[in-house]
Amino acid sequence: MGFKLGLAQCCHPADGDVVRMVDEWAGRAKEAQVDLLVFPESLMTPFEQSPEEFAKAAEPLDGPFCQAVDQVASRHGIWMVYTANERGGTFPFNTAVVVDDAGKRHGIYRKAHLFDTDFVKESDKISGGDSLFAPIDTPFCKLGLGICYDVRFPELARTAALSGCQLLVYPAAWVDGSRKVEQWRTLLAARAIENEIFVAGLSRCDRGFGKAQRDYAGHSCVFGPLGEELASAGVAEQLLVADIDLAAIDAARAAMPVLDHRRPELYG
């Protein structure tokens, strides 16, 4: 079974009208015969806002932003994954939403691993989710989700694979810097190889964004179950399209049944 995956490698719109931008990308994706379209992390609200502004901009999932994006999916007749600044918790959640071609939601995931590093501390602005995403059935595949920094935790991908995930998607706002693009691509390929599934990573590509003048990496890419690169982008805005053939998973696992060779009793 095959289908077309689309990754909307985009920047935050200069006029702030995210719903209009989503509508434009969905139209382009439909013309390209994309079955499942994915948008990057921090789609609804730029992370660069102050904690107070970020919290004020948050909405519940039944609020105007999510309802409007769901209507875009319905209007264009396309499945989508998008991200929202969800009101709730001590701080808002960084949430990914799966919506079908009729505008009906099929799952949400709240980013579990927060990016607390030497230059940014997400936990000062975002509440972490308390559960992993249980892969869901779609007309195309069994779909799993992580968000950005989650890709550095192989446990998430392995848990998804053991639950039947065939395509694992990571919407991201991957900050550029020394070796960051190399790490991004290597981590995505590793998650694909070690679980023998399809893995896609989609990053924003803004350059010099916000008061921090932050650069986002772009370089969205899709890897097959043997780690083969199926599609990749550069640093500019682009609709990246990859053909996904799920038969490749069975072929990879028949040749090297990695999951069958696991010895969880040794892992602690």
Protein backbone atom coordinates (compact mmCIF):
# COMPACT_ATOMS: atom_id res chain seq x y z
CA MET A 1 0.00 0.00 0.00
CA GLY A 2 1.38 3.40 -0.96
CA PHE A 3 0.51 7.00 -0.22
CA LYS A 4 1.94 10.51 -0.48
CA LEU A 5 3.26 12.27 2.62
CA GLY A 6 3.62 16.04 2.47
CA LEU A 7 5.76 18.16 4.81
CA ALA A 8 5.01 21.90 4.83
CA GLN A 9 8.46 23.33 5.58
CA CYS A 10 7.42 26.89 6.30
CA CYS A 11 8.12 30.03 8.33
CA HIS A 12 5.81 31.87 10.66
CA PRO A 13 3.81 34.28 8.45
CA ALA A 14 4.89 37.91 8.61
CA ASP A 15 1.29 39.05 9.02
CA GLY A 16 0.57 36.49 11.77
CA ASP A 17 -2.34 34.96 9.85
CA VAL A 18 -1.48 31.31 10.41
CA VAL A 19 -4.86 29.95 9.32
CA ARG A 20 -4.55 31.68 5.94
CA MET A 21 -1.06 30.21 5.56
CA VAL A 22 -2.30 26.72 6.47
CA ASP A 23 -5.05 27.07 3.88
CA GLU A 24 -2.54 28.00 1.17
CA TRP A 25 -0.24 25.05 1.98
CA ALA A 26 -3.20 22.67 2.10
CA GLY A 27 -4.25 23.83 -1.36
CA ARG A 28 -0.75 23.22 -2.72
CA ALA A 29 -0.64 19.80 -1.08
CA LYS A 30 -3.99 18.82 -2.54
CA GLU A 31 -2.78 19.79 -6.01
CA ALA A 32 0.28 17.56 -5.41
CA GLN A 33 -2.07 14.69 -4.48
CA VAL A 34 -0.74 14.55 -0.91
CA ASP A 35 -2.73 12.25 1.37
CA LEU A 36 -1.29 13.37 4.72
CA LEU A 37 0.08 16.90 5.25
CA VAL A 38 2.22 17.81 8.27
CA PHE A 39 2.97 21.27 9.67
CA PRO A 40 5.92 22.13 11.96
CA GLU A 41 6.12 22.79 15.68
CA SER A 42 5.16 26.25 17.02
CA LEU A 43 2.67 26.67 14.19
CA MET A 44 0.00 28.55 16.15
CA THR A 45 2.17 30.75 18.39
CA PRO A 46 5.86 31.69 18.01
CA PHE A 47 7.85 30.26 20.91
CA GLU A 48 9.88 33.49 20.96
CA GLN A 49 7.06 35.36 22.70
CA SER A 50 7.51 36.16 26.39
CA PRO A 51 6.05 33.62 28.84
CA GLU A 52 3.22 36.04 29.57
CA GLU A 53 2.41 36.64 25.88
CA PHE A 54 2.72 32.93 25.09
CA ALA A 55 0.32 31.96 27.87
CA LYS A 56 -2.14 34.69 26.90
CA ALA A 57 -2.18 33.45 23.28
CA ALA A 58 -2.94 29.85 24.29
CA GLU A 59 -6.37 28.40 23.50
CA PRO A 60 -8.22 25.20 24.36
CA LEU A 61 -8.35 22.63 21.59
CA ASP A 62 -11.98 23.56 20.93
CA GLY A 63 -10.94 27.21 20.52
CA PRO A 64 -10.95 29.33 17.35
CA PHE A 65 -7.52 28.31 16.03
CA CYS A 66 -8.00 24.55 16.07
CA GLN A 67 -11.55 24.81 14.80
CA ALA A 68 -10.37 26.95 11.88
CA VAL A 69 -7.53 24.56 10.97
CA ASP A 70 -9.88 21.57 11.20
CA GLN A 71 -12.15 23.38 8.72
CA VAL A 72 -9.20 23.84 6.36
CA ALA A 73 -8.61 20.07 6.39
CA SER A 74 -12.28 19.48 5.62
CA ARG A 75 -12.45 22.12 2.90
CA HIS A 76 -9.47 20.65 1.05
CA GLY A 77 -10.31 17.04 1.85
CA ILE A 78 -6.88 16.22 3.28
CA TRP A 79 -5.59 14.59 6.47
CA MET A 80 -3.31 16.90 8.45
CA VAL A 81 -1.05 17.01 11.50
CA TYR A 82 -0.68 20.49 12.99
CA THR A 83 0.55 21.98 16.25
CA ALA A 84 -1.18 24.23 18.75
CA ASN A 85 -0.39 26.30 21.83
CA GLU A 86 -2.91 24.50 24.05
CA ARG A 87 -4.19 26.13 27.22
CA GLY A 88 -3.80 23.88 30.27
CA GLY A 89 -1.39 22.78 32.96
CA THR A 90 0.83 25.21 34.84
CA PHE A 91 1.85 26.52 31.41
CA PRO A 92 0.39 25.78 27.97
CA PHE A 93 1.03 22.42 26.32
CA ASN A 94 2.93 22.07 23.04
CA THR A 95 0.35 19.91 21.29
CA ALA A 96 0.14 18.08 17.96
CA VAL A 97 -3.29 17.32 16.51
CA VAL A 98 -4.29 14.76 13.87
CA VAL A 99 -7.37 15.70 11.84
CA ASP A 100 -8.95 13.80 8.95
CA ASP A 101 -10.23 14.95 5.56
CA ALA A 102 -13.67 15.65 7.02
CA GLY A 103 -12.30 17.85 9.82
CA LYS A 104 -12.67 15.20 12.53
CA ARG A 105 -9.87 14.81 15.05
CA HIS A 106 -8.35 11.40 15.64
CA GLY A 107 -5.64 12.08 18.20
CA ILE A 108 -3.59 14.61 20.12
CA TYR A 109 -0.09 14.46 21.55
CA ARG A 110 1.40 16.81 24.13
CA LYS A 111 5.18 17.09 23.86
CA ALA A 112 6.67 15.01 26.66
CA HIS A 113 10.39 15.90 26.57
CA LEU A 114 11.06 19.60 27.11
CA PHE A 115 14.09 21.31 25.60
CA ASP A 116 15.96 22.70 28.63
CA THR A 117 19.49 23.56 27.50
CA ASP A 118 22.24 26.12 27.89
CA PHE A 119 20.38 28.79 25.89
CA VAL A 120 16.65 28.07 26.27
CA LYS A 121 14.44 26.48 28.91
CA GLU A 122 11.11 25.28 27.56
CA SER A 123 9.87 24.32 31.01
CA ASP A 124 9.74 28.03 31.91
CA LYS A 125 6.98 28.41 29.32
CA ILE A 126 5.54 24.97 28.50
CA SER A 127 4.06 22.12 30.53
CA GLY A 128 5.22 18.65 29.52
CA GLY A 129 2.73 15.98 28.53
CA ASP A 130 2.44 12.95 30.77
CA SER A 131 1.94 10.21 28.16
CA LEU A 132 3.28 9.04 24.82
CA PHE A 133 1.12 9.04 21.70
CA ALA A 134 -0.58 5.72 21.01
CA PRO A 135 -0.27 5.18 17.24
CA ILE A 136 -3.57 5.55 15.41
CA ASP A 137 -5.03 3.90 12.33
CA THR A 138 -5.47 6.11 9.28
CA PRO A 139 -6.53 5.12 5.75
CA PHE A 140 -2.84 5.18 4.81
CA CYS A 141 -0.85 3.76 7.71
CA LYS A 142 -0.59 3.41 11.45
CA LEU A 143 0.66 6.84 12.46
CA GLY A 144 2.84 7.80 15.43
CA LEU A 145 3.87 11.24 16.70
CA GLY A 146 6.72 12.88 18.55
CA ILE A 147 7.67 16.57 18.66
CA CYS A 148 11.15 17.98 17.98
CA TYR A 149 13.37 17.20 21.03
CA ASP A 150 11.49 13.89 21.44
CA VAL A 151 13.62 12.50 18.59
CA ARG A 152 16.60 12.35 20.95
CA PHE A 153 14.78 9.75 23.07
CA PRO A 154 14.77 6.36 21.30
CA GLU A 155 12.33 4.97 23.86
CA LEU A 156 9.50 6.97 22.29
CA ALA A 157 10.15 5.58 18.83
CA ARG A 158 10.61 2.02 20.07
CA THR A 159 7.38 2.18 22.06
CA ALA A 160 5.57 3.41 18.95
CA ALA A 161 7.07 0.65 16.78
CA LEU A 162 6.09 -2.05 19.27
CA SER A 163 2.54 -0.64 19.11
CA GLY A 164 2.42 -1.13 15.34
CA CYS A 165 3.53 2.31 14.16
CA GLN A 166 4.47 2.36 10.46
CA LEU A 167 5.14 6.09 10.03
CA LEU A 168 6.53 8.20 12.88
CA VAL A 169 6.37 11.96 12.32
CA TYR A 170 8.26 14.62 14.26
CA PRO A 171 6.99 18.20 13.74
CA ALA A 172 9.84 20.43 14.93
CA ALA A 173 11.28 23.89 15.35
CA TRP A 174 14.86 22.60 15.19
CA VAL A 175 17.21 25.42 16.14
CA ASP A 176 20.18 25.71 13.81
CA GLY A 177 23.75 25.74 15.10
CA SER A 178 26.98 23.80 15.19
CA ARG A 179 26.37 20.21 13.96
CA LYS A 180 22.62 20.62 14.55
CA VAL A 181 21.55 19.70 11.00
CA GLU A 182 23.84 16.66 11.04
CA GLN A 183 22.40 15.59 14.40
CA TRP A 184 18.82 16.11 13.19
CA ARG A 185 19.30 13.96 10.11
CA THR A 186 21.27 11.28 11.96
CA LEU A 187 18.70 10.96 14.73
CA LEU A 188 15.80 10.67 12.30
CA ALA A 189 17.62 8.04 10.24
CA ALA A 190 18.55 6.11 13.39
CA ARG A 191 14.95 6.02 14.61
CA ALA A 192 13.97 4.58 11.22
CA ILE A 193 16.77 1.99 11.06
CA GLU A 194 16.50 0.67 14.60
CA ASN A 195 12.72 0.21 14.34
CA GLU A 196 12.45 -0.58 10.62
CA ILE A 197 9.70 1.98 10.06
CA PHE A 198 9.28 5.22 8.09
CA VAL A 199 10.35 8.35 9.96
CA ALA A 200 9.76 11.95 8.89
CA GLY A 201 11.07 15.12 10.48
CA LEU A 202 9.67 18.54 9.60
CA SER A 203 11.34 21.72 10.86
CA ARG A 204 10.51 25.38 10.55
CA CYS A 205 12.99 27.30 8.39
CA ASP A 206 12.75 30.88 9.71
CA ARG A 207 16.05 32.78 9.66
CA GLY A 208 16.80 35.57 12.12
CA PHE A 209 13.38 35.16 13.72
CA GLY A 210 12.11 37.20 16.66
CA LYS A 211 14.01 39.24 19.24
CA ALA A 212 16.51 36.42 19.66
CA GLN A 213 17.21 36.49 15.88
CA ARG A 214 16.94 32.71 15.95
CA ASP A 215 17.67 30.53 12.93
CA TYR A 216 15.63 27.37 12.39
CA ALA A 217 17.25 24.58 10.47
CA GLY A 218 14.75 23.49 7.86
CA HIS A 219 16.33 20.39 6.26
CA SER A 220 13.12 18.40 6.65
CA CYS A 221 13.57 14.81 5.54
CA VAL A 222 11.96 11.40 5.26
CA PHE A 223 13.73 8.07 5.82
CA GLY A 224 12.64 4.55 4.97
CA PRO A 225 12.92 1.43 7.16
CA LEU A 226 16.48 0.70 5.98
CA GLY A 227 17.56 4.28 6.64
CA GLU A 228 17.33 5.25 2.98
CA GLU A 229 16.61 8.92 2.33
CA LEU A 230 13.33 9.25 0.45
CA ALA A 231 13.11 13.05 0.35
CA SER A 232 14.94 16.03 1.82
CA ALA A 233 14.72 19.81 1.78
CA GLY A 234 17.16 22.68 2.17
CA VAL A 235 16.65 25.87 4.17
CA ALA A 236 13.92 27.55 2.09
CA GLU A 237 10.16 27.15 2.33
CA GLN A 238 9.11 24.03 0.45
CA LEU A 239 6.38 21.45 0.17
CA LEU A 240 8.39 18.24 0.51
CA VAL A 241 6.58 15.19 -0.85
CA ALA A 242 7.59 11.57 -0.28
CA ASP A 243 6.05 8.39 -1.63
CA ILE A 244 5.57 5.87 1.19
CA ASP A 245 5.34 2.18 0.33
CA LEU A 246 4.50 0.22 3.47
CA ALA A 247 5.62 -3.04 1.85
CA ALA A 248 9.18 -1.88 2.54
CA ILE A 249 8.60 -2.45 6.26
CA ASP A 250 7.74 -6.12 5.77
CA ALA A 251 10.73 -6.58 3.46
CA ALA A 252 13.13 -5.01 5.95
CA ARG A 253 11.84 -7.07 8.85
CA ALA A 254 11.87 -10.30 6.85
CA ALA A 255 15.54 -9.73 6.04
CA MET A 256 16.54 -8.61 9.54
CA PRO A 257 13.86 -9.13 12.24
CA VAL A 258 15.32 -6.70 14.74
CA LEU A 259 12.21 -6.37 16.87
CA ASP A 260 11.98 -10.16 17.21
CA HIS A 261 15.56 -10.27 18.45
CA ARG A 262 14.98 -7.92 21.37
CA ARG A 263 15.84 -9.19 24.87
CA PRO A 264 13.91 -6.80 27.12
CA GLU A 265 14.72 -8.91 30.19
CA LEU A 266 18.29 -7.59 29.91
CA TYR A 267 17.46 -3.92 29.55
CA GLY A 268 16.21 -3.03 33.00
